[in-house]
Protein backbone atom coordinates (compact mmCIF):
# COMPACT_ATOMS: atom_id res chain seq x y z
CA MET A 1 116.87 72.41 -13.60
CA GLN A 2 116.15 72.67 -9.89
CA LYS A 3 119.12 70.42 -9.03
CA LYS A 4 121.44 72.62 -11.11
CA SER A 5 120.33 75.73 -9.26
CA PHE A 6 120.82 73.96 -5.90
CA VAL A 7 124.35 72.89 -6.82
CA LYS A 8 125.14 76.36 -8.17
CA LYS A 9 123.91 77.91 -4.91
CA ILE A 10 126.10 75.54 -2.87
CA TYR A 11 129.14 76.40 -5.00
CA GLU A 12 128.48 80.14 -4.68
CA LEU A 13 128.21 79.88 -0.90
CA THR A 14 131.31 77.68 -0.68
CA LYS A 15 133.31 80.33 -2.55
CA LYS A 16 132.57 82.72 0.35
CA ILE A 17 134.46 80.61 2.89
CA PRO A 18 137.72 82.50 3.46
CA LYS A 19 141.18 80.96 3.64
CA ARG A 20 142.18 79.78 7.12
CA LYS A 21 138.50 79.05 7.90
CA VAL A 22 136.22 76.02 7.64
CA THR A 23 132.49 75.52 7.80
CA THR A 24 130.31 72.44 8.12
CA TYR A 25 127.97 70.71 5.71
CA LYS A 26 125.14 71.60 8.10
CA ILE A 27 125.97 75.32 8.26
CA LEU A 28 126.38 75.41 4.49
CA ALA A 29 123.00 73.71 4.02
CA GLN A 30 121.34 76.16 6.42
CA ALA A 31 122.86 79.09 4.52
CA ALA A 32 121.33 77.61 1.36
CA GLY A 33 117.95 77.39 3.08
CA THR A 34 117.78 73.60 3.28
CA LYS A 35 118.19 70.73 5.73
CA ALA A 36 119.57 68.49 2.97
CA TYR A 37 123.04 68.16 4.48
CA ARG A 38 123.79 65.00 2.51
CA ALA A 39 122.78 66.69 -0.74
CA VAL A 40 125.31 69.41 0.06
CA GLY A 41 127.95 66.72 0.48
CA GLN A 42 126.97 65.16 -2.84
CA ALA A 43 127.18 68.51 -4.62
CA LEU A 44 130.66 69.11 -3.21
CA ARG A 45 131.76 65.54 -3.96
CA CYS A 46 131.15 66.26 -7.64
CA ASN A 47 132.74 69.75 -7.57
CA PRO A 48 134.66 70.20 -10.84
CA TYR A 49 135.87 73.68 -9.83
CA SER A 50 138.16 72.85 -6.91
CA PRO A 51 140.04 74.80 -5.57
CA ILE A 52 138.19 77.84 -7.02
CA VAL A 53 135.16 76.44 -5.18
CA PRO A 54 137.07 75.50 -2.01
CA CYS A 55 135.13 72.41 -0.97
CA HIS A 56 138.15 71.31 1.08
CA ARG A 57 137.05 73.96 3.63
CA VAL A 58 133.80 72.09 4.38
CA VAL A 59 134.07 69.58 7.22
CA MET A 60 131.88 67.48 9.50
CA SER A 61 129.96 69.06 12.41
CA ASP A 62 132.11 67.18 14.93
CA GLY A 63 135.30 68.74 13.56
CA SER A 64 136.45 65.71 11.63
CA VAL A 65 137.77 66.34 8.15
CA GLY A 66 135.16 64.21 6.37
CA GLY A 67 135.42 63.06 2.78
CA PHE A 68 136.98 64.54 -0.31
CA ALA A 69 136.75 63.89 -4.04
CA GLY A 70 134.33 61.01 -3.51
CA SER A 71 136.29 59.22 -0.79
CA LEU A 72 135.24 58.94 2.85
CA ASN A 73 138.22 56.82 3.87
CA PRO A 74 140.40 59.02 6.13
CA ASN A 75 143.53 57.22 4.90
CA SER A 76 142.73 57.65 1.21
CA LYS A 77 144.93 59.80 -0.99
CA GLU A 78 141.92 62.07 -1.61
CA VAL A 79 141.26 62.81 2.07
CA GLN A 80 144.99 63.18 2.70
CA LYS A 81 145.04 65.77 -0.11
CA LYS A 82 142.20 67.66 1.64
CA ILE A 83 144.24 67.68 4.85
CA ARG A 84 147.32 68.98 2.99
CA MET A 85 145.22 71.74 1.41
CA LEU A 86 143.83 72.77 4.80
CA ARG A 87 147.28 72.75 6.40
CA LYS A 88 148.68 74.84 3.55
CA GLU A 89 146.06 77.46 4.45
CA GLY A 90 147.03 77.40 8.12
CA ILE A 91 144.35 75.04 9.45
CA LYS A 92 145.78 72.61 11.99
CA VAL A 93 144.65 69.01 11.59
CA LYS A 94 145.45 66.23 14.05
CA ASN A 95 144.10 62.68 13.84
CA ASN A 96 141.80 63.74 10.97
CA ARG A 97 140.18 66.44 13.11
CA ILE A 98 140.38 70.22 12.97
CA VAL A 99 142.39 71.60 15.90
CA GLU A 100 140.67 74.51 17.69
CA PHE A 101 137.61 73.85 15.55
CA GLU A 102 135.46 76.69 16.95
CA LYS A 103 138.22 79.27 16.41
CA VAL A 104 138.45 78.53 12.69
CA MET A 105 134.72 78.09 12.12
CA PHE A 106 133.10 80.29 9.46
CA ARG A 107 129.40 81.05 9.70
CA PHE A 108 127.42 82.77 6.98
């Protein structure tokens, strides 16, 4: 039951990330009151509610896009879909990194 509530909390927080903004796994974990950054990534990897729960807006702390739908390969169709979704919302991505990362950063 505890895992379910953790995942639910992550999804609820993720839904608060506005369009044209991104946040990091670390910031999302901190907002959830945990240091389990990888667990946040796992919860989002299994997100059945995308794009209602906009996990595509969660990126790595260094500004790189990170994984999507279970794939970490930046050339995979899944990660390329994440990049397309971000670009559609107005986020600029170049070489699998968020352009002007700090300007589009969302903090809880």
